């Protein structure tokens, strides 16, 4: 599901990740995923959303972006692993 984003600018990359985190959060809630997964996705979603509203090329938000993006990707990966483990075997 992860796509290379080397060619994207940081604001676009951030918005793409935010959409992926929000979608994962919605699916995790519907699937009744464990609270730790839902909470981690919720935290990542909220912080990414807040930072995406600020200028991230400089200033206070700039320093937060790499860690927030790593946390968001890790939360999505955690959700995907949980979902895959529960998928019915064909």
N, C-alpha and C. Protein backbone atom coordinates (compact mmCIF):
# COMPACT_ATOMS: atom_id res chain seq x y z
N UNK A 1 0.82 -1.19 0.00
CA UNK A 1 0.00 0.00 0.00
C UNK A 1 0.87 1.26 0.00
N UNK A 2 2.05 1.16 0.58
CA UNK A 2 2.93 2.30 0.64
C UNK A 2 3.53 2.56 -0.73
N UNK A 3 3.53 3.82 -1.15
CA UNK A 3 4.05 4.19 -2.44
C UNK A 3 5.24 5.10 -2.26
N UNK A 4 6.20 5.05 -3.19
CA UNK A 4 7.34 5.96 -3.08
C UNK A 4 6.88 7.41 -3.17
N UNK A 5 7.43 8.23 -2.30
CA UNK A 5 7.02 9.63 -2.27
C UNK A 5 8.21 10.56 -2.43
N UNK A 6 9.30 10.07 -3.01
CA UNK A 6 10.50 10.89 -3.18
C UNK A 6 10.22 12.14 -4.02
N UNK A 7 9.30 12.04 -4.96
CA UNK A 7 9.03 13.14 -5.87
C UNK A 7 8.02 14.14 -5.32
N UNK A 8 7.42 13.87 -4.19
CA UNK A 8 6.40 14.74 -3.62
C UNK A 8 7.03 15.76 -2.68
N UNK A 9 6.45 16.94 -2.63
CA UNK A 9 6.90 17.91 -1.63
C UNK A 9 6.32 17.52 -0.28
N UNK A 10 6.90 18.04 0.78
CA UNK A 10 6.48 17.65 2.14
C UNK A 10 5.01 17.92 2.43
N UNK A 11 4.46 19.08 2.07
CA UNK A 11 3.03 19.29 2.35
C UNK A 11 2.14 18.25 1.67
N UNK A 12 2.46 17.89 0.43
CA UNK A 12 1.67 16.89 -0.29
C UNK A 12 1.83 15.53 0.36
N UNK A 13 3.05 15.20 0.71
CA UNK A 13 3.33 13.92 1.38
C UNK A 13 2.58 13.85 2.72
N UNK A 14 2.56 14.95 3.43
CA UNK A 14 1.87 15.01 4.71
C UNK A 14 0.36 14.82 4.53
N UNK A 15 -0.23 15.48 3.55
CA UNK A 15 -1.67 15.33 3.29
C UNK A 15 -2.02 13.90 2.87
N UNK A 16 -1.17 13.30 2.05
CA UNK A 16 -1.39 11.91 1.62
C UNK A 16 -1.38 10.98 2.84
N UNK A 17 -0.39 11.15 3.70
CA UNK A 17 -0.30 10.31 4.90
C UNK A 17 -1.50 10.56 5.81
N UNK A 18 -1.91 11.81 5.95
CA UNK A 18 -3.07 12.12 6.79
C UNK A 18 -4.31 11.39 6.29
N UNK A 19 -4.54 11.40 4.98
CA UNK A 19 -5.70 10.68 4.43
C UNK A 19 -5.60 9.18 4.73
N UNK A 20 -4.39 8.63 4.59
CA UNK A 20 -4.20 7.20 4.85
C UNK A 20 -4.45 6.87 6.33
N UNK A 21 -3.97 7.73 7.22
CA UNK A 21 -4.16 7.51 8.66
C UNK A 21 -5.64 7.63 9.02
N UNK A 22 -6.33 8.63 8.48
CA UNK A 22 -7.76 8.80 8.78
C UNK A 22 -8.58 7.62 8.28
N UNK A 23 -8.28 7.15 7.09
CA UNK A 23 -8.99 5.99 6.55
C UNK A 23 -8.73 4.76 7.41
N UNK A 24 -7.48 4.56 7.80
CA UNK A 24 -7.14 3.43 8.66
C UNK A 24 -7.85 3.52 10.00
N UNK A 25 -7.95 4.73 10.54
CA UNK A 25 -8.65 4.94 11.81
C UNK A 25 -10.13 4.56 11.68
N UNK A 26 -10.76 5.02 10.62
CA UNK A 26 -12.17 4.68 10.42
C UNK A 26 -12.37 3.17 10.31
N UNK A 27 -11.51 2.53 9.53
CA UNK A 27 -11.63 1.08 9.36
C UNK A 27 -11.35 0.34 10.66
N UNK A 28 -10.39 0.83 11.43
CA UNK A 28 -10.05 0.19 12.70
C UNK A 28 -11.21 0.30 13.69
N UNK A 29 -11.88 1.43 13.70
CA UNK A 29 -13.03 1.59 14.58
C UNK A 29 -14.14 0.63 14.18
N UNK A 30 -14.43 0.58 12.89
CA UNK A 30 -15.48 -0.31 12.40
C UNK A 30 -15.15 -1.77 12.69
N UNK A 31 -13.87 -2.13 12.56
CA UNK A 31 -13.45 -3.52 12.78
C UNK A 31 -13.28 -3.86 14.26
N UNK A 32 -13.52 -2.88 15.12
CA UNK A 32 -13.34 -3.07 16.56
C UNK A 32 -11.92 -3.53 16.90
N UNK A 33 -10.97 -2.83 16.30
CA UNK A 33 -9.56 -3.11 16.57
C UNK A 33 -9.26 -2.78 18.03
N UNK A 34 -8.18 -3.35 18.57
CA UNK A 34 -7.82 -3.06 19.96
C UNK A 34 -7.62 -1.55 20.19
N UNK A 35 -7.90 -1.14 21.40
CA UNK A 35 -7.84 0.28 21.76
C UNK A 35 -6.47 0.89 21.50
N UNK A 36 -5.40 0.12 21.69
CA UNK A 36 -4.07 0.70 21.47
C UNK A 36 -3.86 1.09 20.00
N UNK A 37 -4.41 0.31 19.08
CA UNK A 37 -4.29 0.63 17.65
C UNK A 37 -5.16 1.84 17.32
N UNK A 38 -6.39 1.83 17.79
CA UNK A 38 -7.30 2.96 17.52
C UNK A 38 -6.73 4.25 18.13
N UNK A 39 -6.24 4.18 19.34
CA UNK A 39 -5.69 5.36 19.99
C UNK A 39 -4.45 5.88 19.28
N UNK A 40 -3.60 4.97 18.83
CA UNK A 40 -2.38 5.40 18.13
C UNK A 40 -2.74 6.06 16.80
N UNK A 41 -3.69 5.47 16.07
CA UNK A 41 -4.14 6.09 14.82
C UNK A 41 -4.81 7.44 15.09
N UNK A 42 -5.61 7.52 16.14
CA UNK A 42 -6.28 8.77 16.49
C UNK A 42 -5.30 9.87 16.84
N UNK A 43 -4.29 9.52 17.60
CA UNK A 43 -3.27 10.51 17.97
C UNK A 43 -2.53 10.98 16.73
N UNK A 44 -2.12 10.04 15.89
CA UNK A 44 -1.40 10.40 14.67
C UNK A 44 -2.28 11.27 13.78
N UNK A 45 -3.54 10.91 13.64
CA UNK A 45 -4.46 11.67 12.81
C UNK A 45 -4.61 13.11 13.30
N UNK A 46 -4.82 13.27 14.59
CA UNK A 46 -5.00 14.60 15.15
C UNK A 46 -3.77 15.48 15.01
N UNK A 47 -2.61 14.91 15.29
CA UNK A 47 -1.38 15.70 15.19
C UNK A 47 -1.04 16.04 13.74
N UNK A 48 -1.19 15.05 12.86
CA UNK A 48 -0.93 15.32 11.44
C UNK A 48 -1.88 16.38 10.90
N UNK A 49 -3.14 16.30 11.31
CA UNK A 49 -4.12 17.28 10.87
C UNK A 49 -3.74 18.68 11.36
N UNK A 50 -3.38 18.79 12.61
CA UNK A 50 -3.01 20.10 13.16
C UNK A 50 -1.78 20.67 12.46
N UNK A 51 -0.76 19.84 12.28
CA UNK A 51 0.48 20.32 11.66
C UNK A 51 0.25 20.64 10.18
N UNK A 52 -0.65 19.92 9.53
CA UNK A 52 -0.89 20.19 8.11
C UNK A 52 -1.51 21.56 7.88
N UNK A 53 -2.05 22.17 8.92
CA UNK A 53 -2.65 23.49 8.82
C UNK A 53 -1.61 24.60 8.99
N UNK A 54 -0.39 24.22 9.37
CA UNK A 54 0.66 25.20 9.64
C UNK A 54 1.71 25.18 8.52
N UNK A 55 2.48 26.24 8.40
CA UNK A 55 3.59 26.20 7.44
C UNK A 55 4.65 25.22 7.96
N UNK A 56 4.96 24.22 7.15
CA UNK A 56 5.90 23.19 7.64
C UNK A 56 7.29 23.32 7.03
N UNK A 57 7.49 24.30 6.18
CA UNK A 57 8.81 24.47 5.58
C UNK A 57 9.78 25.15 6.55
N UNK A 58 9.24 25.76 7.58
CA UNK A 58 10.05 26.40 8.60
C UNK A 58 9.20 26.59 9.85
N UNK A 59 9.80 27.00 10.92
CA UNK A 59 9.06 27.26 12.14
C UNK A 59 8.91 26.02 13.02
N UNK A 60 8.10 26.14 14.06
CA UNK A 60 7.97 25.07 15.05
C UNK A 60 7.48 23.75 14.47
N UNK A 61 6.57 23.81 13.53
CA UNK A 61 6.02 22.57 12.97
C UNK A 61 7.06 21.82 12.14
N UNK A 62 7.99 22.54 11.55
CA UNK A 62 9.01 21.93 10.70
C UNK A 62 9.77 20.82 11.43
N UNK A 63 10.14 21.08 12.66
CA UNK A 63 10.91 20.10 13.43
C UNK A 63 10.07 18.87 13.79
N UNK A 64 8.77 19.03 13.87
CA UNK A 64 7.90 17.92 14.26
C UNK A 64 7.57 16.96 13.12
N UNK A 65 7.63 17.44 11.89
CA UNK A 65 7.14 16.68 10.75
C UNK A 65 7.78 15.30 10.60
N UNK A 66 9.10 15.15 10.63
CA UNK A 66 9.66 13.81 10.43
C UNK A 66 9.18 12.78 11.45
N UNK A 67 9.14 13.15 12.70
CA UNK A 67 8.68 12.22 13.74
C UNK A 67 7.19 11.91 13.61
N UNK A 68 6.40 12.93 13.31
CA UNK A 68 4.96 12.71 13.13
C UNK A 68 4.68 11.80 11.95
N UNK A 69 5.42 11.98 10.87
CA UNK A 69 5.22 11.14 9.69
C UNK A 69 5.64 9.70 10.00
N UNK A 70 6.73 9.53 10.71
CA UNK A 70 7.16 8.18 11.09
C UNK A 70 6.12 7.53 12.00
N UNK A 71 5.58 8.29 12.95
CA UNK A 71 4.55 7.75 13.84
C UNK A 71 3.28 7.38 13.07
N UNK A 72 2.90 8.23 12.12
CA UNK A 72 1.72 7.94 11.31
C UNK A 72 1.90 6.68 10.48
N UNK A 73 3.06 6.54 9.86
CA UNK A 73 3.32 5.34 9.06
C UNK A 73 3.37 4.09 9.92
N UNK A 74 3.94 4.21 11.11
CA UNK A 74 4.00 3.06 12.03
C UNK A 74 2.60 2.68 12.51
N UNK A 75 1.76 3.65 12.77
CA UNK A 75 0.39 3.36 13.21
C UNK A 75 -0.40 2.66 12.11
N UNK A 76 -0.24 3.11 10.87
CA UNK A 76 -0.92 2.46 9.74
C UNK A 76 -0.40 1.04 9.58
N UNK A 77 0.90 0.86 9.69
CA UNK A 77 1.48 -0.49 9.57
C UNK A 77 0.96 -1.40 10.67
N UNK A 78 0.83 -0.88 11.88
CA UNK A 78 0.30 -1.66 12.99
C UNK A 78 -1.14 -2.10 12.69
N UNK A 79 -1.96 -1.19 12.18
CA UNK A 79 -3.33 -1.50 11.81
C UNK A 79 -3.36 -2.56 10.70
N UNK A 80 -2.54 -2.39 9.69
CA UNK A 80 -2.52 -3.32 8.56
C UNK A 80 -2.12 -4.73 9.01
N UNK A 81 -1.15 -4.83 9.92
CA UNK A 81 -0.76 -6.15 10.45
C UNK A 81 -1.92 -6.79 11.19
N UNK A 82 -2.59 -6.01 12.04
CA UNK A 82 -3.71 -6.55 12.81
C UNK A 82 -4.82 -7.01 11.88
N UNK A 83 -5.13 -6.18 10.88
CA UNK A 83 -6.19 -6.51 9.94
C UNK A 83 -5.83 -7.77 9.13
N UNK A 84 -4.59 -7.87 8.71
CA UNK A 84 -4.15 -9.02 7.92
C UNK A 84 -4.23 -10.31 8.72
N UNK A 85 -3.89 -10.25 10.01
CA UNK A 85 -3.94 -11.43 10.86
C UNK A 85 -5.37 -11.94 11.03
N UNK A 86 -6.34 -11.06 10.90
CA UNK A 86 -7.73 -11.45 11.09
C UNK A 86 -8.47 -11.75 9.79
N UNK A 87 -7.80 -11.56 8.66
CA UNK A 87 -8.43 -11.81 7.36
C UNK A 87 -8.65 -13.31 7.20
N UNK A 88 -9.83 -13.70 6.70
CA UNK A 88 -10.09 -15.12 6.50
C UNK A 88 -9.15 -15.71 5.46
N UNK A 89 -8.66 -16.91 5.73
CA UNK A 89 -7.77 -17.58 4.79
C UNK A 89 -8.61 -18.17 3.66
N UNK A 90 -8.11 -18.04 2.46
CA UNK A 90 -8.85 -18.55 1.28
C UNK A 90 -8.59 -20.02 1.07
